[in-house]
Protein backbone atom coordinates (compact mmCIF):
# COMPACT_ATOMS: atom_id res chain seq x y z
CA UNK A 1 14.51 13.90 5.94
CA UNK A 2 11.59 11.54 6.51
CA UNK A 3 11.22 7.84 5.81
CA UNK A 4 8.01 6.07 4.83
CA UNK A 5 7.57 2.33 4.35
CA UNK A 6 5.04 0.23 2.47
CA UNK A 7 4.64 -3.47 3.32
CA UNK A 8 3.43 -6.05 0.82
CA UNK A 9 3.16 -9.83 1.13
CA UNK A 10 3.72 -12.60 -1.37
CA UNK A 11 4.16 -16.35 -1.44
CA UNK A 12 6.81 -17.98 -3.59
CA UNK A 13 8.70 -21.22 -4.03
CA UNK A 14 12.40 -21.54 -4.68
CA UNK A 15 15.41 -23.69 -4.10
CA UNK A 16 18.99 -22.83 -3.46
CA UNK A 17 21.31 -24.84 -5.63
CA UNK A 18 24.05 -24.44 -8.14
CA UNK A 19 23.86 -26.52 -11.29
CA UNK A 20 27.65 -26.82 -11.34
CA UNK A 21 27.60 -28.53 -7.91
CA UNK A 22 26.54 -32.05 -7.01
CA UNK A 23 23.37 -32.65 -5.01
CA UNK A 24 25.59 -33.57 -2.05
CA UNK A 25 27.53 -30.29 -2.22
CA UNK A 26 24.31 -28.26 -2.60
CA UNK A 27 22.85 -29.98 0.48
CA UNK A 28 26.10 -29.46 2.38
CA UNK A 29 26.04 -25.71 1.65
CA UNK A 30 22.29 -24.94 1.50
CA UNK A 31 20.79 -27.69 3.68
CA UNK A 32 17.03 -28.16 3.37
CA UNK A 33 16.88 -25.14 1.06
CA UNK A 34 18.49 -27.31 -1.65
CA UNK A 35 15.52 -29.71 -1.65
CA UNK A 36 15.22 -30.89 -5.29
CA UNK A 37 11.43 -30.58 -5.00
CA UNK A 38 11.55 -26.91 -3.93
CA UNK A 39 10.17 -25.23 -0.81
CA UNK A 40 8.23 -22.05 -0.21
CA UNK A 41 7.91 -19.00 2.01
CA UNK A 42 5.33 -16.44 2.99
CA UNK A 43 7.47 -13.38 2.34
CA UNK A 44 6.99 -9.88 3.72
CA UNK A 45 8.43 -7.09 1.55
CA UNK A 46 9.10 -3.64 3.03
CA UNK A 47 9.94 -0.79 0.69
CA UNK A 48 11.24 2.36 2.39
CA UNK A 49 11.41 5.69 0.60
CA UNK A 50 13.11 8.81 1.97
CA UNK A 51 12.97 12.51 1.23
CA UNK A 52 11.31 15.71 2.31
CA UNK A 53 7.61 16.21 2.95
CA UNK A 54 5.86 18.16 0.19
CA UNK A 55 4.38 21.18 2.02
CA UNK A 56 1.45 21.31 -0.40
CA UNK A 57 0.30 17.68 0.04
CA UNK A 58 1.80 16.81 3.42
CA UNK A 59 3.17 13.62 1.83
CA UNK A 60 6.62 12.38 0.95
CA UNK A 61 4.90 10.14 -1.61
CA UNK A 62 1.32 9.00 -2.01
CA UNK A 63 1.19 5.50 -0.50
CA UNK A 64 -1.48 4.42 -3.00
CA UNK A 65 0.97 5.28 -5.77
CA UNK A 66 3.81 3.42 -4.02
CA UNK A 67 1.56 0.38 -3.53
CA UNK A 68 0.75 0.38 -7.26
CA UNK A 69 4.44 0.64 -8.24
CA UNK A 70 5.38 -2.26 -5.94
CA UNK A 71 2.47 -4.49 -6.96
CA UNK A 72 2.71 -3.89 -10.70
CA UNK A 73 6.48 -4.29 -10.95
CA UNK A 74 7.20 -6.84 -8.23
CA UNK A 75 4.37 -8.61 -6.40
CA UNK A 76 2.27 -9.39 -9.48
CA UNK A 77 5.34 -11.04 -11.02
CA UNK A 78 6.42 -13.16 -8.03
CA UNK A 79 3.35 -13.97 -5.95
CA UNK A 80 2.53 -17.70 -6.10
CA UNK A 81 5.41 -18.26 -8.50
CA UNK A 82 8.64 -20.22 -8.52
CA UNK A 83 11.48 -17.71 -8.19
CA UNK A 84 13.88 -20.01 -10.03
CA UNK A 85 11.62 -20.80 -12.98
CA UNK A 86 8.89 -18.18 -13.37
CA UNK A 87 10.37 -14.79 -12.51
CA UNK A 88 12.08 -12.95 -15.37
CA UNK A 89 14.16 -10.67 -13.16
CA UNK A 90 15.59 -13.67 -11.25
CA UNK A 91 16.66 -15.51 -14.42
CA UNK A 92 20.21 -16.86 -14.12
CA UNK A 93 20.46 -15.75 -10.47
CA UNK A 94 20.66 -17.92 -7.39
CA UNK A 95 17.23 -17.41 -5.78
CA UNK A 96 18.49 -16.35 -2.36
CA UNK A 97 16.66 -13.67 -0.42
CA UNK A 98 19.78 -11.52 -0.73
CA UNK A 99 19.69 -11.70 -4.54
CA UNK A 100 15.93 -11.14 -4.54
CA UNK A 101 16.35 -7.94 -2.49
CA UNK A 102 19.00 -6.65 -4.90
CA UNK A 103 16.84 -7.44 -7.94
CA UNK A 104 13.84 -5.67 -6.40
CA UNK A 105 16.00 -2.64 -5.61
CA UNK A 106 17.24 -2.51 -9.20
CA UNK A 107 13.67 -2.46 -10.50
CA UNK A 108 12.18 0.00 -8.01
CA UNK A 109 15.10 2.45 -7.71
CA UNK A 110 14.35 4.46 -10.88
CA UNK A 111 10.57 4.21 -10.41
CA UNK A 112 10.36 5.91 -7.01
CA UNK A 113 12.64 8.83 -7.90
CA UNK A 114 9.76 11.30 -8.06
CA UNK A 115 9.65 14.83 -6.64
CA UNK A 116 12.83 14.35 -4.61
CA UNK A 117 11.92 10.96 -3.18
CA UNK A 118 14.62 8.29 -3.11
CA UNK A 119 14.56 4.58 -2.47
CA UNK A 120 16.17 4.01 0.94
CA UNK A 121 15.82 0.30 1.72
CA UNK A 122 14.40 -3.01 0.58
CA UNK A 123 13.71 -5.36 3.48
CA UNK A 124 12.44 -8.89 2.90
CA UNK A 125 11.37 -11.25 5.66
CA UNK A 126 11.75 -14.81 4.42
CA UNK A 127 10.65 -16.23 7.77
CA UNK A 128 9.68 -14.54 11.02
CA UNK A 129 13.28 -15.03 12.16
CA UNK A 130 15.24 -14.27 8.96
CA UNK A 131 15.29 -11.12 6.90
CA UNK A 132 17.52 -9.21 4.52
CA UNK A 133 17.96 -5.45 4.23
CA UNK A 134 19.50 -3.85 1.15
CA UNK A 135 20.40 -0.16 0.89
CA UNK A 136 21.64 -0.08 -2.68
């Protein structure tokens, strides 16, 4: 079993808040992340795929192909967007990094299942100190 990871970057705005809570409660729970005027991050997305090396190509997967899958289905839809307002796959979800990782997994999981490859992990750095890992 071998693991290979592709990193992509994107910028996005969001806010953490629940519409059924008051502004005070949102600020109590989410702090600055509940800012009514939004805030943004320079995210780093890591997509790790696992499987066996193809003896004919020497690859688990072609990284150009993986880059295209990630960019077409994820990055092109979220880069320089508002996660709460602009991103179809985040509709009706709290725009936490945890929920974003799960949504990305749900999209990419069936797309990378090629020639025995499997999605292993979605890792998203929201800041240099905070990241989420999701293993499905």
